[in-house]
Amino acid sequence: MRNHTTKNSVVITTLLSALFFCFILVLGSLYPLADSGPNVNTFGSVGLWLSLGMVLFLYLLPLAFYMAGINFLKFVMAAFCSIGLLIAASTLLLMPALFLFGLENFSGNLPSIIGVMISCLGLLITNIVWFVVAFKRPSATVQESM
């Protein structure tokens, strides 16, 4: 029973993490930096859709194998989760700096900046919760009842 609820919790937090990461990509494509060069993803472009597809593939493929019973993939998902924590934390710190010390064209996009920061905060919290859920030790009462 415990293993089943743990797997369900890992699946739910993984899907939430994927959702927040996709939000970051979409909201970031609305940001003025999306127009800064030829190799960036602008909203609605093929590059954005390919990025979203790659992110979902990298989230859902290990998750599908984990759900199928290959529990080792929890460690692969933990590596991806760590990368997501790094991306979320660095973006969360970078956005206010770009707004405060950036060029004048950033000042008009406060809703986009706030949206990216909220998504980064959601990704950060979700990934921390993912680690707690995925690697939580069973309590003594659960072990005694088995």
N, C-alpha and C. Protein backbone atom coordinates (compact mmCIF):
# COMPACT_ATOMS: atom_id res chain seq x y z
N MET A 1 0.82 -1.20 0.00
CA MET A 1 0.00 0.00 0.00
C MET A 1 0.86 1.25 0.00
N ARG A 2 1.90 1.26 0.82
CA ARG A 2 2.77 2.42 0.92
C ARG A 2 3.47 2.70 -0.41
N ASN A 3 3.92 1.62 -1.07
CA ASN A 3 4.62 1.79 -2.34
C ASN A 3 3.69 2.39 -3.39
N HIS A 4 2.43 2.01 -3.37
CA HIS A 4 1.46 2.53 -4.34
C HIS A 4 1.21 4.02 -4.13
N THR A 5 1.05 4.45 -2.88
CA THR A 5 0.82 5.87 -2.61
C THR A 5 2.07 6.68 -2.90
N THR A 6 3.24 6.10 -2.64
CA THR A 6 4.48 6.80 -2.97
C THR A 6 4.59 7.01 -4.47
N LYS A 7 4.29 5.97 -5.25
CA LYS A 7 4.35 6.10 -6.71
C LYS A 7 3.36 7.14 -7.20
N ASN A 8 2.14 7.14 -6.65
CA ASN A 8 1.16 8.14 -7.06
C ASN A 8 1.64 9.55 -6.73
N SER A 9 2.24 9.74 -5.58
CA SER A 9 2.75 11.05 -5.20
C SER A 9 3.90 11.49 -6.10
N VAL A 10 4.77 10.54 -6.45
CA VAL A 10 5.88 10.86 -7.36
C VAL A 10 5.34 11.25 -8.73
N VAL A 11 4.33 10.54 -9.21
CA VAL A 11 3.74 10.84 -10.52
C VAL A 11 3.10 12.23 -10.51
N ILE A 12 2.34 12.53 -9.48
CA ILE A 12 1.66 13.83 -9.41
C ILE A 12 2.67 14.97 -9.33
N THR A 13 3.70 14.85 -8.48
CA THR A 13 4.68 15.94 -8.36
C THR A 13 5.53 16.05 -9.63
N THR A 14 5.79 14.95 -10.30
CA THR A 14 6.53 15.01 -11.56
C THR A 14 5.72 15.74 -12.63
N LEU A 15 4.44 15.46 -12.71
CA LEU A 15 3.59 16.14 -13.69
C LEU A 15 3.45 17.64 -13.37
N LEU A 16 3.35 17.98 -12.08
CA LEU A 16 3.33 19.40 -11.70
C LEU A 16 4.64 20.09 -12.06
N SER A 17 5.74 19.40 -11.84
CA SER A 17 7.04 19.97 -12.19
C SER A 17 7.13 20.22 -13.70
N ALA A 18 6.66 19.26 -14.48
CA ALA A 18 6.66 19.43 -15.94
C ALA A 18 5.80 20.61 -16.35
N LEU A 19 4.66 20.76 -15.71
CA LEU A 19 3.76 21.87 -16.01
C LEU A 19 4.42 23.21 -15.71
N PHE A 20 5.04 23.34 -14.54
CA PHE A 20 5.72 24.59 -14.21
C PHE A 20 6.89 24.87 -15.15
N PHE A 21 7.63 23.83 -15.54
CA PHE A 21 8.75 24.05 -16.46
C PHE A 21 8.25 24.52 -17.82
N CYS A 22 7.14 23.96 -18.27
CA CYS A 22 6.55 24.42 -19.54
C CYS A 22 6.05 25.85 -19.43
N PHE A 23 5.46 26.20 -18.27
CA PHE A 23 5.04 27.59 -18.06
C PHE A 23 6.23 28.54 -18.16
N ILE A 24 7.37 28.15 -17.60
CA ILE A 24 8.56 29.00 -17.67
C ILE A 24 8.97 29.22 -19.12
N LEU A 25 8.95 28.16 -19.91
CA LEU A 25 9.32 28.29 -21.32
C LEU A 25 8.35 29.20 -22.08
N VAL A 26 7.06 29.01 -21.86
CA VAL A 26 6.06 29.80 -22.59
C VAL A 26 6.11 31.26 -22.15
N LEU A 27 6.14 31.50 -20.84
CA LEU A 27 6.18 32.88 -20.37
C LEU A 27 7.51 33.56 -20.71
N GLY A 28 8.58 32.79 -20.72
CA GLY A 28 9.87 33.34 -21.12
C GLY A 28 9.90 33.73 -22.59
N SER A 29 9.09 33.07 -23.40
CA SER A 29 9.04 33.43 -24.82
C SER A 29 8.31 34.75 -25.04
N LEU A 30 7.56 35.20 -24.05
CA LEU A 30 6.88 36.49 -24.13
C LEU A 30 7.77 37.63 -23.65
N TYR A 31 8.88 37.30 -23.03
CA TYR A 31 9.79 38.27 -22.44
C TYR A 31 10.59 38.96 -23.55
N PRO A 32 11.05 40.20 -23.34
CA PRO A 32 11.79 40.90 -24.39
C PRO A 32 13.07 40.22 -24.84
N LEU A 33 13.66 39.37 -23.98
CA LEU A 33 14.86 38.66 -24.39
C LEU A 33 14.59 37.67 -25.52
N ALA A 34 13.33 37.32 -25.72
CA ALA A 34 12.98 36.40 -26.80
C ALA A 34 13.21 37.02 -28.17
N ASP A 35 13.35 38.33 -28.22
CA ASP A 35 13.63 39.01 -29.49
C ASP A 35 15.10 39.40 -29.62
N SER A 36 15.95 38.86 -28.75
CA SER A 36 17.33 39.34 -28.70
C SER A 36 18.26 38.68 -29.70
N GLY A 37 17.86 37.62 -30.35
CA GLY A 37 18.76 36.99 -31.30
C GLY A 37 18.04 36.01 -32.20
N PRO A 38 18.76 35.46 -33.16
CA PRO A 38 18.12 34.58 -34.14
C PRO A 38 17.84 33.17 -33.60
N ASN A 39 18.48 32.76 -32.51
CA ASN A 39 18.35 31.39 -32.03
C ASN A 39 17.52 31.26 -30.75
N VAL A 40 16.65 32.18 -30.49
CA VAL A 40 15.82 32.13 -29.30
C VAL A 40 14.39 31.75 -29.68
N ASN A 41 13.66 31.26 -28.70
CA ASN A 41 12.29 30.81 -28.95
C ASN A 41 11.31 31.95 -28.70
N THR A 42 10.64 32.36 -29.73
CA THR A 42 9.59 33.36 -29.57
C THR A 42 8.26 32.63 -29.45
N PHE A 43 7.28 33.30 -28.92
CA PHE A 43 5.98 32.68 -28.66
C PHE A 43 5.35 32.21 -29.96
N GLY A 44 4.93 30.96 -29.98
CA GLY A 44 4.27 30.39 -31.15
C GLY A 44 5.21 29.88 -32.23
N SER A 45 6.51 29.96 -32.01
CA SER A 45 7.44 29.51 -33.04
C SER A 45 7.64 27.99 -32.97
N VAL A 46 8.21 27.45 -34.02
CA VAL A 46 8.50 26.02 -34.06
C VAL A 46 9.51 25.67 -32.98
N GLY A 47 10.46 26.56 -32.73
CA GLY A 47 11.47 26.31 -31.69
C GLY A 47 10.85 26.17 -30.31
N LEU A 48 9.84 26.97 -30.02
CA LEU A 48 9.16 26.86 -28.73
C LEU A 48 8.45 25.52 -28.62
N TRP A 49 7.76 25.11 -29.68
CA TRP A 49 7.06 23.83 -29.64
C TRP A 49 8.04 22.67 -29.52
N LEU A 50 9.18 22.77 -30.19
CA LEU A 50 10.19 21.72 -30.06
C LEU A 50 10.76 21.68 -28.64
N SER A 51 10.97 22.84 -28.04
CA SER A 51 11.46 22.89 -26.66
C SER A 51 10.45 22.28 -25.70
N LEU A 52 9.18 22.63 -25.88
CA LEU A 52 8.13 22.05 -25.02
C LEU A 52 8.06 20.53 -25.21
N GLY A 53 8.16 20.08 -26.44
CA GLY A 53 8.14 18.64 -26.71
C GLY A 53 9.31 17.92 -26.07
N MET A 54 10.50 18.53 -26.14
CA MET A 54 11.67 17.91 -25.54
C MET A 54 11.55 17.84 -24.03
N VAL A 55 11.06 18.92 -23.42
CA VAL A 55 10.89 18.94 -21.97
C VAL A 55 9.89 17.86 -21.55
N LEU A 56 8.76 17.79 -22.24
CA LEU A 56 7.76 16.78 -21.90
C LEU A 56 8.29 15.36 -22.14
N PHE A 57 9.06 15.16 -23.19
CA PHE A 57 9.67 13.86 -23.45
C PHE A 57 10.62 13.47 -22.32
N LEU A 58 11.46 14.42 -21.89
CA LEU A 58 12.43 14.13 -20.83
C LEU A 58 11.76 13.93 -19.47
N TYR A 59 10.58 14.49 -19.29
CA TYR A 59 9.83 14.25 -18.05
C TYR A 59 9.05 12.93 -18.13
N LEU A 60 8.36 12.72 -19.23
CA LEU A 60 7.40 11.62 -19.31
C LEU A 60 8.02 10.26 -19.61
N LEU A 61 9.13 10.21 -20.32
CA LEU A 61 9.74 8.92 -20.62
C LEU A 61 10.25 8.22 -19.35
N PRO A 62 11.09 8.88 -18.52
CA PRO A 62 11.49 8.20 -17.28
C PRO A 62 10.30 7.92 -16.36
N LEU A 63 9.33 8.83 -16.35
CA LEU A 63 8.16 8.63 -15.50
C LEU A 63 7.37 7.38 -15.95
N ALA A 64 7.24 7.18 -17.24
CA ALA A 64 6.51 6.00 -17.74
C ALA A 64 7.23 4.71 -17.34
N PHE A 65 8.55 4.70 -17.46
CA PHE A 65 9.30 3.51 -17.05
C PHE A 65 9.25 3.31 -15.54
N TYR A 66 9.25 4.40 -14.79
CA TYR A 66 9.12 4.29 -13.34
C TYR A 66 7.76 3.72 -12.96
N MET A 67 6.72 4.18 -13.63
CA MET A 67 5.38 3.66 -13.37
C MET A 67 5.26 2.19 -13.78
N ALA A 68 6.04 1.78 -14.76
CA ALA A 68 6.02 0.39 -15.21
C ALA A 68 6.74 -0.54 -14.25
N GLY A 69 7.43 0.01 -13.26
CA GLY A 69 8.06 -0.83 -12.25
C GLY A 69 9.56 -0.78 -12.22
N ILE A 70 10.18 0.01 -13.06
CA ILE A 70 11.64 0.14 -13.04
C ILE A 70 11.97 1.26 -12.06
N ASN A 71 12.12 0.87 -10.80
CA ASN A 71 12.29 1.86 -9.73
C ASN A 71 13.63 2.58 -9.77
N PHE A 72 14.61 2.04 -10.49
CA PHE A 72 15.91 2.69 -10.60
C PHE A 72 15.78 4.06 -11.29
N LEU A 73 14.79 4.22 -12.11
CA LEU A 73 14.65 5.49 -12.85
C LEU A 73 14.28 6.64 -11.93
N LYS A 74 13.95 6.34 -10.69
CA LYS A 74 13.71 7.40 -9.71
C LYS A 74 15.00 8.22 -9.54
N PHE A 75 16.16 7.58 -9.66
CA PHE A 75 17.43 8.29 -9.52
C PHE A 75 17.74 9.12 -10.76
N VAL A 76 17.33 8.65 -11.92
CA VAL A 76 17.48 9.44 -13.15
C VAL A 76 16.57 10.66 -13.07
N MET A 77 15.35 10.45 -12.59
CA MET A 77 14.43 11.58 -12.44
C MET A 77 14.95 12.55 -11.38
N ALA A 78 15.65 12.05 -10.37
CA ALA A 78 16.24 12.93 -9.36
C ALA A 78 17.34 13.79 -9.97
N ALA A 79 18.10 13.25 -10.91
CA ALA A 79 19.13 14.06 -11.59
C ALA A 79 18.47 15.17 -12.40
N PHE A 80 17.40 14.84 -13.13
CA PHE A 80 16.67 15.86 -13.89
C PHE A 80 16.03 16.89 -12.96
N CYS A 81 15.55 16.42 -11.82
CA CYS A 81 14.93 17.31 -10.84
C CYS A 81 15.97 18.29 -10.28
N SER A 82 17.19 17.81 -10.07
CA SER A 82 18.27 18.68 -9.60
C SER A 82 18.60 19.75 -10.63
N ILE A 83 18.61 19.36 -11.89
CA ILE A 83 18.85 20.34 -12.95
C ILE A 83 17.72 21.37 -12.97
N GLY A 84 16.48 20.91 -12.79
CA GLY A 84 15.34 21.82 -12.72
C GLY A 84 15.44 22.78 -11.55
N LEU A 85 15.92 22.29 -10.40
CA LEU A 85 16.13 23.17 -9.25
C LEU A 85 17.16 24.25 -9.56
N LEU A 86 18.22 23.87 -10.23
CA LEU A 86 19.26 24.83 -10.60
C LEU A 86 18.72 25.88 -11.57
N ILE A 87 17.97 25.43 -12.56
CA ILE A 87 17.39 26.36 -13.55
C ILE A 87 16.40 27.30 -12.88
N ALA A 88 15.53 26.75 -12.03
CA ALA A 88 14.52 27.58 -11.37
C ALA A 88 15.16 28.61 -10.44
N ALA A 89 16.15 28.18 -9.65
CA ALA A 89 16.79 29.10 -8.71
C ALA A 89 17.56 30.20 -9.44
N SER A 90 18.28 29.84 -10.49
CA SER A 90 19.05 30.86 -11.20
C SER A 90 18.14 31.83 -11.95
N THR A 91 17.07 31.32 -12.54
CA THR A 91 16.12 32.20 -13.24
C THR A 91 15.39 33.10 -12.26
N LEU A 92 15.04 32.54 -11.10
CA LEU A 92 14.36 33.33 -10.07
C LEU A 92 15.23 34.47 -9.58
N LEU A 93 16.53 34.26 -9.53
CA LEU A 93 17.45 35.33 -9.12
C LEU A 93 17.78 36.28 -10.26
N LEU A 94 17.74 35.78 -11.48
CA LEU A 94 18.11 36.60 -12.64
C LEU A 94 17.03 37.58 -13.05
N MET A 95 15.77 37.20 -12.92
CA MET A 95 14.68 38.05 -13.38
C MET A 95 14.62 39.42 -12.69
N PRO A 96 14.70 39.48 -11.36
CA PRO A 96 14.68 40.82 -10.74
C PRO A 96 15.90 41.66 -11.13
N ALA A 97 17.04 40.99 -11.32
CA ALA A 97 18.24 41.72 -11.72
C ALA A 97 18.06 42.31 -13.12
N LEU A 98 17.48 41.56 -14.03
CA LEU A 98 17.23 42.09 -15.37
C LEU A 98 16.23 43.24 -15.34
N PHE A 99 15.25 43.13 -14.48
CA PHE A 99 14.25 44.18 -14.39
C PHE A 99 14.85 45.44 -13.77
N LEU A 100 15.61 45.28 -12.69
CA LEU A 100 16.16 46.44 -11.99
C LEU A 100 17.33 47.10 -12.71
N PHE A 101 18.21 46.28 -13.27
CA PHE A 101 19.42 46.81 -13.87
C PHE A 101 19.46 46.68 -15.38
N GLY A 102 18.36 46.21 -15.95
CA GLY A 102 18.32 45.98 -17.39
C GLY A 102 18.07 47.24 -18.18
N LEU A 103 17.86 47.01 -19.42
CA LEU A 103 17.59 48.11 -20.33
C LEU A 103 16.19 48.66 -20.11
N GLU A 104 15.90 49.76 -20.70
CA GLU A 104 14.59 50.39 -20.50
C GLU A 104 13.44 49.60 -21.11
N ASN A 105 13.72 48.70 -22.05
CA ASN A 105 12.62 47.94 -22.65
C ASN A 105 12.11 46.81 -21.76
N PHE A 106 12.76 46.56 -20.64
CA PHE A 106 12.27 45.54 -19.71
C PHE A 106 11.20 46.08 -18.77
N SER A 107 11.17 47.38 -18.58
CA SER A 107 10.28 47.95 -17.58
C SER A 107 8.80 47.80 -17.94
N GLY A 108 8.46 47.69 -19.19
CA GLY A 108 7.07 47.56 -19.60
C GLY A 108 6.53 46.15 -19.51
N ASN A 109 7.38 45.20 -19.19
CA ASN A 109 6.97 43.80 -19.19
C ASN A 109 6.92 43.21 -17.79
N LEU A 110 6.47 43.98 -16.84
CA LEU A 110 6.40 43.52 -15.46
C LEU A 110 5.49 42.30 -15.31
N PRO A 111 4.33 42.22 -15.97
CA PRO A 111 3.51 41.00 -15.82
C PRO A 111 4.23 39.74 -16.30
N SER A 112 4.98 39.84 -17.39
CA SER A 112 5.72 38.69 -17.88
C SER A 112 6.81 38.29 -16.90
N ILE A 113 7.49 39.28 -16.33
CA ILE A 113 8.55 39.00 -15.35
C ILE A 113 7.95 38.33 -14.12
N ILE A 114 6.84 38.84 -13.65
CA ILE A 114 6.20 38.27 -12.47
C ILE A 114 5.70 36.85 -12.77
N GLY A 115 5.17 36.63 -13.96
CA GLY A 115 4.72 35.29 -14.34
C GLY A 115 5.85 34.28 -14.37
N VAL A 116 6.99 34.68 -14.93
CA VAL A 116 8.14 33.78 -14.96
C VAL A 116 8.63 33.52 -13.53
N MET A 117 8.64 34.55 -12.70
CA MET A 117 9.12 34.37 -11.32
C MET A 117 8.17 33.46 -10.53
N ILE A 118 6.87 33.59 -10.71
CA ILE A 118 5.91 32.73 -10.03
C ILE A 118 6.07 31.28 -10.51
N SER A 119 6.27 31.10 -11.80
CA SER A 119 6.49 29.75 -12.33
C SER A 119 7.79 29.15 -11.80
N CYS A 120 8.82 29.96 -11.70
CA CYS A 120 10.09 29.47 -11.15
C CYS A 120 9.93 29.09 -9.68
N LEU A 121 9.21 29.90 -8.95
CA LEU A 121 8.96 29.59 -7.54
C LEU A 121 8.14 28.31 -7.42
N GLY A 122 7.14 28.15 -8.26
CA GLY A 122 6.35 26.92 -8.27
C GLY A 122 7.19 25.71 -8.61
N LEU A 123 8.09 25.83 -9.60
CA LEU A 123 8.99 24.74 -9.98
C LEU A 123 9.94 24.42 -8.84
N LEU A 124 10.46 25.44 -8.20
CA LEU A 124 11.38 25.24 -7.08
C LEU A 124 10.70 24.48 -5.94
N ILE A 125 9.52 24.91 -5.57
CA ILE A 125 8.79 24.26 -4.47
C ILE A 125 8.39 22.84 -4.86
N THR A 126 7.90 22.66 -6.08
CA THR A 126 7.48 21.34 -6.54
C THR A 126 8.65 20.37 -6.57
N ASN A 127 9.80 20.81 -7.03
CA ASN A 127 10.96 19.91 -7.09
C ASN A 127 11.48 19.55 -5.70
N ILE A 128 11.41 20.48 -4.77
CA ILE A 128 11.80 20.16 -3.39
C ILE A 128 10.82 19.14 -2.80
N VAL A 129 9.53 19.35 -3.05
CA VAL A 129 8.52 18.40 -2.59
C VAL A 129 8.73 17.04 -3.26
N TRP A 130 9.13 17.04 -4.52
CA TRP A 130 9.39 15.79 -5.23
C TRP A 130 10.46 14.98 -4.52
N PHE A 131 11.55 15.63 -4.12
CA PHE A 131 12.61 14.92 -3.41
C PHE A 131 12.12 14.34 -2.09
N VAL A 132 11.32 15.10 -1.37
CA VAL A 132 10.77 14.62 -0.10
C VAL A 132 9.86 13.42 -0.33
N VAL A 133 9.00 13.50 -1.34
CA VAL A 133 8.06 12.42 -1.61
C VAL A 133 8.78 11.18 -2.13
N ALA A 134 9.73 11.36 -3.02
CA ALA A 134 10.37 10.22 -3.66
C ALA A 134 11.33 9.48 -2.73
N PHE A 135 11.97 10.19 -1.82
CA PHE A 135 12.99 9.55 -0.99
C PHE A 135 12.64 9.54 0.49
N LYS A 136 11.35 9.66 0.80
CA LYS A 136 10.91 9.65 2.19
C LYS A 136 11.02 8.23 2.73
N ARG A 137 11.59 8.12 3.92
CA ARG A 137 11.68 6.82 4.59
C ARG A 137 10.34 6.48 5.22
N PRO A 138 9.96 5.23 5.20
CA PRO A 138 8.70 4.87 5.86
C PRO A 138 8.80 5.06 7.37
N SER A 139 7.71 5.48 7.98
CA SER A 139 7.72 5.70 9.41
C SER A 139 7.73 4.38 10.15
N ALA A 140 8.02 4.42 11.46
CA ALA A 140 8.11 3.22 12.27
C ALA A 140 6.76 2.51 12.36
N THR A 141 5.67 3.25 12.40
CA THR A 141 4.34 2.63 12.51
C THR A 141 3.99 1.88 11.23
N VAL A 142 4.41 2.36 10.10
CA VAL A 142 4.14 1.66 8.84
C VAL A 142 4.95 0.38 8.78
N GLN A 143 6.20 0.41 9.25
CA GLN A 143 7.05 -0.77 9.22
C GLN A 143 6.52 -1.83 10.18
N GLU A 144 5.99 -1.43 11.33
CA GLU A 144 5.48 -2.39 12.29
C GLU A 144 4.21 -3.06 11.80
N SER A 145 3.40 -2.34 11.03
CA SER A 145 2.15 -2.92 10.56
C SER A 145 2.36 -3.91 9.44
N MET A 146 3.51 -3.92 8.84
CA MET A 146 3.79 -4.86 7.76
C MET A 146 4.21 -6.14 8.37
